Amino acid sequence: MEHPENSDAYKGLTVNKGIEQPSIVNPYLKLRKKPKRRQFSVGEYVEGIVKGDVTVLSQAVTLVESVKPEHQTIAQEVIEKCLPYSGNSVRIGISGVPGAGKSTSIDVFGLHVLEKKGGKLAVLAIDPSSERSKGSILGDKTRMEKLSVHPKSFIRPSPSAGSLGGVARKTRETIILCEAAGFDKIFVETVGVGQSETAVHSMVDFFLLIQLAGTGDELQGIKRGIMEMADGIIINKADGNNIEKAKLAAAHFRNALHLFPAPESGWTPQVLTYSGFYGIGIEEIWDMVFRYIDFVKANGYFEHRRNEQSKYWMYETINEHLRNSFYNNPDIASMLLEKEREVLEGRTTSFTAARKLLDTYFKHLPSWE
């Protein structure tokens, strides 16, 4: 019975059935299927990119970032065909602690470079992915208000997708596509200070480190690894009451740099202060960057560094493919949980389990003879 209150036990009490509620979906609404985006051919991708079509470039970058094997096959062909048109840009890595003002600084830097030097600028901003949901906010573009609407700029936020230190796995390949599209200046923004700097250093010509003053012990920001990689260090927020603190921090960094061995490039890293918010000291920073580029091109280090980077990424690609091949091997997939259980129960050591898994993998590899 729909309403038990209407039974004889409750004489005198009547509950009406009520009005049937209408559907929440408009019955007159005709659902239209979203038209499927047409998949370009390799030739169409290359032609569009070389012409500087930003829409085609964006779709090609999405293809590069895709993990689908069929997308990767097309992406690699596109990259190969774009390679002859690449290599004609100045690649600049920009890093710093979270809150140092990287995105705001890039907005100011980008506008300055486009106005003073002309050309086109691509900004590849790496956004950290959540370890739980694997999602990213991709909000860097919102903090680059002026640059994001500039006709000569292209801003591409990319998720780190769990790659080492927050560097997007395909950033280097994206650089090649951007260069082929005519972007002669490339900024690569990293998540923050950490292992990601090693990967970014291996894909840029100039590595710029942004630091802050007045946040406690200045020497905490002086870490040997990151300092040795930096070609230039800049202290942000050198304005108002913070100017003296910024100058003091700059002095500390200069003293620390004297303790390190001379860089292979022969260049002595400089330390400058500036204010990204007020646009103070921006011109001096870019004078430093372009002096460095002229310096390393003159002594041959620029070409040497590019060659070393290409070699580094060849080995990185080999490592990545070997790792993927190992984990996607069906024999390994069936053994992994068993070996993991043995390790957790103390029946074998981590090293012995790993050795057995690797032996199984190599034993089942196809012979090349």
Protein backbone atom coordinates (compact mmCIF):
# COMPACT_ATOMS: atom_id res chain seq x y z
CA MET A 1 0.00 0.00 0.00
CA GLU A 2 1.40 3.37 -1.03
CA HIS A 3 0.01 5.22 2.01
CA PRO A 4 -0.40 2.96 5.06
CA GLU A 5 -2.04 5.92 6.86
CA ASN A 6 -5.20 5.27 4.77
CA SER A 7 -5.76 1.82 6.36
CA ASP A 8 -8.65 1.11 8.76
CA ALA A 9 -6.29 1.48 11.70
CA TYR A 10 -6.21 5.23 11.04
CA LYS A 11 -9.89 6.06 10.51
CA GLY A 12 -10.56 9.72 9.90
CA LEU A 13 -7.08 10.29 8.49
CA THR A 14 -6.76 10.50 4.71
CA VAL A 15 -3.57 11.21 2.81
CA ASN A 16 -4.01 12.34 -0.76
CA LYS A 17 -1.82 10.84 -3.46
CA GLY A 18 -0.45 14.25 -4.39
CA ILE A 19 0.60 15.72 -7.68
CA GLU A 20 2.97 13.76 -9.89
CA GLN A 21 6.19 15.68 -10.22
CA PRO A 22 7.29 16.55 -13.76
CA SER A 23 10.65 15.40 -15.08
CA ILE A 24 13.57 17.69 -14.35
CA VAL A 25 14.60 17.36 -18.00
CA ASN A 26 12.83 19.69 -20.45
CA PRO A 27 10.79 17.35 -22.71
CA TYR A 28 11.05 19.87 -25.56
CA LEU A 29 14.82 19.98 -25.38
CA LYS A 30 16.47 18.22 -28.29
CA LEU A 31 19.84 16.93 -27.23
CA ARG A 32 22.42 17.69 -29.84
CA LYS A 33 25.46 15.52 -30.10
CA LYS A 34 28.67 17.47 -29.83
CA PRO A 35 30.37 17.32 -33.21
CA LYS A 36 33.47 15.17 -33.06
CA ARG A 37 36.66 17.12 -33.61
CA ARG A 38 38.26 16.13 -36.88
CA GLN A 39 41.59 14.38 -36.51
CA PHE A 40 44.25 16.06 -38.61
CA SER A 41 46.72 14.06 -40.66
CA VAL A 42 50.46 14.31 -39.92
CA GLY A 43 50.90 16.58 -42.95
CA GLU A 44 48.07 18.88 -41.83
CA TYR A 45 49.54 19.14 -38.33
CA VAL A 46 52.97 20.05 -39.68
CA GLU A 47 51.59 22.53 -42.21
CA GLY A 48 49.45 24.25 -39.56
CA ILE A 49 52.29 24.42 -37.04
CA VAL A 50 54.81 25.83 -39.52
CA LYS A 51 52.25 28.47 -40.56
CA GLY A 52 51.97 29.48 -36.89
CA ASP A 53 48.36 28.34 -36.41
CA VAL A 54 47.98 28.34 -32.60
CA THR A 55 44.87 26.14 -32.71
CA VAL A 56 46.69 23.38 -34.60
CA LEU A 57 49.71 23.82 -32.31
CA SER A 58 47.50 23.38 -29.21
CA GLN A 59 45.97 20.19 -30.64
CA ALA A 60 49.44 18.86 -31.49
CA VAL A 61 50.64 19.51 -27.92
CA THR A 62 47.58 17.66 -26.59
CA LEU A 63 48.52 14.77 -28.88
CA VAL A 64 52.09 14.80 -27.53
CA GLU A 65 50.81 14.72 -23.93
CA SER A 66 48.38 11.86 -24.64
CA VAL A 67 49.30 8.40 -23.33
CA LYS A 68 47.34 6.57 -26.05
CA PRO A 69 49.72 4.56 -28.29
CA GLU A 70 47.93 5.66 -31.49
CA HIS A 71 48.28 9.32 -30.48
CA GLN A 72 51.94 8.84 -29.61
CA THR A 73 52.66 7.34 -33.05
CA ILE A 74 51.19 10.40 -34.81
CA ALA A 75 52.85 12.80 -32.34
CA GLN A 76 56.31 11.33 -32.96
CA GLU A 77 55.86 11.67 -36.74
CA VAL A 78 54.80 15.30 -36.33
CA ILE A 79 57.81 16.04 -34.11
CA GLU A 80 60.21 14.40 -36.58
CA LYS A 81 58.86 16.51 -39.45
CA CYS A 82 58.94 19.71 -37.33
CA LEU A 83 62.53 19.11 -36.20
CA PRO A 84 64.15 20.91 -39.21
CA TYR A 85 62.17 24.06 -38.33
CA SER A 86 63.20 24.04 -34.65
CA GLY A 87 66.25 25.15 -32.66
CA ASN A 88 66.01 28.87 -33.46
CA SER A 89 64.78 30.10 -30.09
CA VAL A 90 66.19 31.22 -26.77
CA ARG A 91 64.97 28.78 -24.11
CA ILE A 92 64.77 30.12 -20.57
CA GLY A 93 63.94 28.07 -17.48
CA ILE A 94 62.35 29.99 -14.61
CA SER A 95 62.18 28.45 -11.16
CA GLY A 96 61.83 29.43 -7.52
CA VAL A 97 60.14 28.56 -4.28
CA PRO A 98 56.30 28.56 -4.24
CA GLY A 99 55.07 32.10 -3.66
CA ALA A 100 58.22 33.70 -5.08
CA GLY A 101 56.11 35.37 -7.77
CA LYS A 102 57.05 33.24 -10.78
CA SER A 103 53.79 33.66 -12.71
CA THR A 104 53.56 37.41 -11.99
CA SER A 105 57.20 37.84 -13.00
CA ILE A 106 56.70 35.88 -16.23
CA ASP A 107 53.77 38.19 -17.10
CA VAL A 108 56.04 41.24 -16.70
CA PHE A 109 59.11 39.58 -18.27
CA GLY A 110 57.14 38.42 -21.30
CA LEU A 111 55.63 41.81 -22.04
CA HIS A 112 59.04 43.47 -21.67
CA VAL A 113 60.75 41.02 -24.04
CA LEU A 114 57.99 41.25 -26.67
CA GLU A 115 58.04 45.07 -26.59
CA LYS A 116 61.83 45.45 -26.60
CA LYS A 117 62.93 42.48 -28.74
CA GLY A 118 59.82 41.71 -30.80
CA GLY A 119 59.20 38.16 -32.03
CA LYS A 120 56.88 35.61 -30.40
CA LEU A 121 56.87 34.09 -26.91
CA ALA A 122 55.68 30.67 -25.72
CA VAL A 123 55.24 30.01 -22.00
CA LEU A 124 55.13 26.36 -20.89
CA ALA A 125 53.88 26.40 -17.31
CA ILE A 126 54.10 23.12 -15.42
CA ASP A 127 51.21 22.68 -12.97
CA PRO A 128 51.52 20.13 -10.14
CA SER A 129 49.14 17.16 -10.28
CA SER A 130 47.36 15.87 -7.20
CA GLU A 131 48.81 12.65 -5.83
CA ARG A 132 45.28 11.55 -4.86
CA SER A 133 43.02 12.61 -7.71
CA LYS A 134 45.79 12.94 -10.36
CA GLY A 135 44.08 16.19 -11.44
CA SER A 136 45.56 19.66 -11.95
CA ILE A 137 44.10 23.15 -11.59
CA LEU A 138 46.10 24.55 -14.54
CA GLY A 139 45.57 28.06 -13.20
CA ASP A 140 48.92 29.66 -14.10
CA LYS A 141 47.36 31.40 -17.10
CA THR A 142 44.99 33.37 -14.84
CA ARG A 143 47.97 35.00 -13.12
CA MET A 144 49.43 36.14 -16.45
CA GLU A 145 46.63 38.59 -17.19
CA LYS A 146 48.37 40.80 -19.75
CA LEU A 147 50.45 38.14 -21.46
CA SER A 148 47.50 35.77 -21.86
CA VAL A 149 45.73 38.25 -24.18
CA HIS A 150 48.84 39.33 -26.10
CA PRO A 151 48.58 38.36 -29.79
CA LYS A 152 52.24 37.29 -29.95
CA SER A 153 52.18 34.98 -26.92
CA PHE A 154 51.16 31.36 -26.41
CA ILE A 155 50.66 30.08 -22.85
CA ARG A 156 50.30 26.36 -22.31
CA PRO A 157 49.73 25.05 -18.76
CA SER A 158 50.52 21.32 -18.58
CA PRO A 159 49.95 18.83 -15.76
CA SER A 160 53.05 17.26 -14.23
CA ALA A 161 51.13 13.95 -14.27
CA GLY A 162 53.30 12.37 -11.62
CA SER A 163 56.56 12.83 -13.52
CA LEU A 164 59.78 13.43 -11.62
CA GLY A 165 59.77 16.65 -9.61
CA GLY A 166 56.77 18.08 -11.43
CA VAL A 167 58.29 18.52 -14.89
CA ALA A 168 55.81 17.54 -17.60
CA ARG A 169 57.12 14.46 -19.39
CA LYS A 170 56.63 15.93 -22.84
CA THR A 171 57.82 19.51 -22.29
CA ARG A 172 60.93 19.07 -24.41
CA GLU A 173 58.91 17.82 -27.37
CA THR A 174 56.48 20.72 -26.91
CA ILE A 175 59.45 23.11 -27.17
CA ILE A 176 60.26 21.67 -30.61
CA LEU A 177 56.67 22.22 -31.81
CA CYS A 178 56.61 25.80 -30.47
CA GLU A 179 59.90 26.61 -32.20
CA ALA A 180 58.57 25.19 -35.47
CA ALA A 181 55.53 27.47 -35.07
CA GLY A 182 57.85 30.50 -35.04
CA PHE A 183 58.16 31.17 -31.30
CA ASP A 184 61.70 32.50 -30.88
CA LYS A 185 61.52 32.82 -27.08
CA ILE A 186 60.45 29.95 -24.83
CA PHE A 187 59.86 30.21 -21.08
CA VAL A 188 59.61 26.99 -19.07
CA GLU A 189 58.19 27.57 -15.58
CA THR A 190 58.69 24.81 -13.01
CA VAL A 191 56.56 23.90 -10.00
CA GLY A 192 59.14 24.88 -7.41
CA VAL A 193 62.58 24.15 -6.05
CA GLY A 194 63.33 20.44 -6.13
CA GLN A 195 64.36 17.63 -8.46
CA SER A 196 62.42 19.20 -11.33
CA GLU A 197 65.19 21.76 -11.77
CA THR A 198 67.58 19.09 -13.08
CA ALA A 199 65.15 18.19 -15.87
CA VAL A 200 64.41 21.84 -16.74
CA HIS A 201 68.12 22.68 -16.74
CA SER A 202 68.55 19.94 -19.35
CA MET A 203 66.16 21.60 -21.81
CA VAL A 204 66.92 25.34 -21.55
CA ASP A 205 69.75 27.72 -22.49
CA PHE A 206 69.51 30.00 -19.45
CA PHE A 207 68.33 28.94 -16.00
CA LEU A 208 66.86 31.79 -13.94
CA LEU A 209 66.28 31.30 -10.21
CA ILE A 210 63.78 33.56 -8.40
CA GLN A 211 64.30 34.02 -4.64
CA LEU A 212 62.68 36.05 -1.89
CA ALA A 213 64.14 38.17 0.89
CA GLY A 214 62.82 38.69 4.40
CA THR A 215 61.38 35.18 4.80
CA GLY A 216 63.73 34.05 7.55
CA ASP A 217 67.28 32.76 7.35
CA GLU A 218 68.47 33.74 3.85
CA LEU A 219 71.02 30.91 3.85
CA GLN A 220 68.12 28.40 3.86
CA GLY A 221 67.56 29.36 0.24
CA ILE A 222 71.17 28.64 -0.66
CA LYS A 223 71.22 25.00 -1.68
CA ARG A 224 74.31 23.83 -3.53
CA GLY A 225 72.54 21.83 -6.26
CA ILE A 226 70.13 24.54 -7.36
CA MET A 227 72.73 27.29 -7.00
CA GLU A 228 75.22 25.48 -9.22
CA MET A 229 72.61 25.16 -11.98
CA ALA A 230 71.52 28.82 -11.92
CA ASP A 231 72.93 31.11 -14.61
CA GLY A 232 71.31 34.08 -12.89
CA ILE A 233 69.63 34.67 -9.51
CA ILE A 234 67.06 37.41 -8.99
CA ILE A 235 65.54 38.57 -5.68
CA ASN A 236 61.87 39.47 -6.12
CA LYS A 237 59.72 41.94 -4.16
CA ALA A 238 62.56 44.45 -3.76
CA ASP A 239 60.18 47.33 -3.10
CA GLY A 240 58.91 49.43 -0.19
CA ASN A 241 60.30 48.37 3.19
CA ASN A 242 61.80 45.23 1.66
CA ILE A 243 64.49 46.92 -0.45
CA GLU A 244 67.24 46.71 2.17
CA LYS A 245 66.41 43.07 2.95
CA ALA A 246 66.55 42.26 -0.77
CA LYS A 247 69.97 43.91 -1.09
CA LEU A 248 71.25 41.97 1.93
CA ALA A 249 69.92 38.68 0.52
CA ALA A 250 71.61 39.47 -2.82
CA ALA A 251 74.91 40.00 -1.00
CA HIS A 252 74.54 36.62 0.74
CA PHE A 253 73.92 34.88 -2.57
CA ARG A 254 76.89 36.59 -4.24
CA ASN A 255 79.16 35.46 -1.42
CA ALA A 256 77.84 31.91 -1.68
CA LEU A 257 78.46 31.82 -5.44
CA HIS A 258 82.16 32.57 -4.88
CA LEU A 259 82.46 29.29 -2.97
CA PHE A 260 81.40 27.18 -5.96
CA PRO A 261 83.71 26.07 -8.78
CA ALA A 262 83.55 28.13 -11.98
CA PRO A 263 80.72 27.02 -14.32
CA GLU A 264 81.64 25.09 -17.46
CA SER A 265 80.27 27.95 -19.57
CA GLY A 266 82.87 30.37 -18.21
CA TRP A 267 80.05 32.74 -17.20
CA THR A 268 79.91 34.15 -13.67
CA PRO A 269 76.28 34.00 -12.46
CA GLN A 270 74.94 37.38 -11.43
CA VAL A 271 72.55 38.29 -8.61
CA LEU A 272 70.05 41.11 -9.18
CA THR A 273 67.07 42.56 -7.28
CA TYR A 274 63.76 43.56 -8.83
CA SER A 275 60.05 44.01 -8.20
CA GLY A 276 57.74 41.99 -10.45
CA PHE A 277 54.65 43.78 -9.12
CA TYR A 278 55.96 47.29 -9.77
CA GLY A 279 58.09 46.37 -12.81
CA ILE A 280 61.32 47.70 -11.25
CA GLY A 281 64.67 46.31 -12.46
CA ILE A 282 63.18 44.21 -15.31
CA GLU A 283 65.38 45.73 -18.03
CA GLU A 284 68.57 44.92 -16.09
CA ILE A 285 67.51 41.27 -15.81
CA TRP A 286 67.01 40.91 -19.56
CA ASP A 287 70.23 42.72 -20.31
CA MET A 288 71.91 40.02 -18.18
CA VAL A 289 70.08 37.17 -19.99
CA PHE A 290 70.99 38.36 -23.48
CA ARG A 291 74.58 39.16 -22.44
CA TYR A 292 74.83 35.53 -21.32
CA ILE A 293 73.41 34.24 -24.64
CA ASP A 294 75.92 36.35 -26.61
CA PHE A 295 78.74 35.20 -24.31
CA VAL A 296 78.07 31.44 -24.68
CA LYS A 297 77.44 31.69 -28.42
CA ALA A 298 80.80 33.41 -28.82
CA ASN A 299 82.76 30.76 -26.88
CA GLY A 300 80.91 27.77 -28.40
CA TYR A 301 79.26 26.64 -25.15
CA PHE A 302 75.74 27.35 -26.45
CA GLU A 303 76.01 24.66 -29.15
CA HIS A 304 77.84 22.29 -26.79
CA ARG A 305 75.05 22.56 -24.20
CA ARG A 306 72.34 21.93 -26.81
CA ASN A 307 74.19 18.79 -27.97
CA GLU A 308 74.58 17.53 -24.40
CA GLN A 309 70.88 18.10 -23.79
CA SER A 310 69.93 16.07 -26.87
CA LYS A 311 72.12 13.22 -25.65
CA TYR A 312 70.63 13.44 -22.14
CA TRP A 313 67.07 13.17 -23.49
CA MET A 314 67.97 10.22 -25.68
CA TYR A 315 69.00 8.27 -22.56
CA GLU A 316 65.98 9.55 -20.62
CA THR A 317 63.69 8.28 -23.38
CA ILE A 318 65.39 4.87 -23.32
CA ASN A 319 64.92 4.68 -19.53
CA GLU A 320 61.26 5.67 -19.81
CA HIS A 321 60.49 3.10 -22.50
CA LEU A 322 62.29 0.34 -20.61
CA ARG A 323 60.30 1.15 -17.47
CA ASN A 324 57.01 1.15 -19.37
CA SER A 325 57.91 -2.08 -21.15
CA PHE A 326 58.74 -3.73 -17.82
CA TYR A 327 55.49 -2.79 -16.06
CA ASN A 328 53.29 -3.54 -19.09
CA ASN A 329 54.79 -7.02 -19.51
CA PRO A 330 52.01 -9.58 -18.72
CA ASP A 331 54.42 -11.98 -16.97
CA ILE A 332 55.65 -9.19 -14.71
CA ALA A 333 52.12 -7.96 -13.99
CA SER A 334 51.12 -11.41 -12.72
CA MET A 335 54.26 -11.72 -10.55
CA LEU A 336 54.31 -8.24 -9.02
CA LEU A 337 51.61 -8.75 -6.39
CA GLU A 338 53.03 -12.13 -5.41
CA LYS A 339 56.54 -10.72 -4.90
CA GLU A 340 55.12 -7.69 -3.10
CA ARG A 341 53.29 -10.01 -0.69
CA GLU A 342 56.49 -12.01 -0.04
CA VAL A 343 58.37 -8.79 0.80
CA LEU A 344 55.63 -7.55 3.15
CA GLU A 345 55.47 -10.92 4.92
CA GLY A 346 59.24 -10.97 5.38
CA ARG A 347 59.74 -14.13 3.29
CA THR A 348 62.19 -12.39 0.95
CA THR A 349 64.09 -9.11 0.71
CA SER A 350 63.19 -6.23 -1.58
CA PHE A 351 66.40 -6.73 -3.55
CA THR A 352 65.87 -10.46 -4.09
CA ALA A 353 62.28 -9.88 -5.23
CA ALA A 354 63.42 -7.17 -7.65
CA ARG A 355 66.17 -9.43 -8.99
CA LYS A 356 63.72 -12.28 -9.67
CA LEU A 357 61.30 -9.92 -11.44
CA LEU A 358 64.08 -8.55 -13.63
CA ASP A 359 65.38 -12.05 -14.42
CA THR A 360 61.88 -13.08 -15.50
CA TYR A 361 61.53 -9.97 -17.65
CA PHE A 362 64.85 -10.41 -19.47
CA LYS A 363 64.27 -14.15 -19.91
CA HIS A 364 61.04 -13.51 -21.82
CA LEU A 365 62.39 -10.74 -24.02
CA PRO A 366 62.19 -11.57 -27.76
CA SER A 367 65.50 -12.47 -29.37
CA TRP A 368 66.86 -9.95 -31.87
CA GLU A 369 68.99 -12.56 -33.67
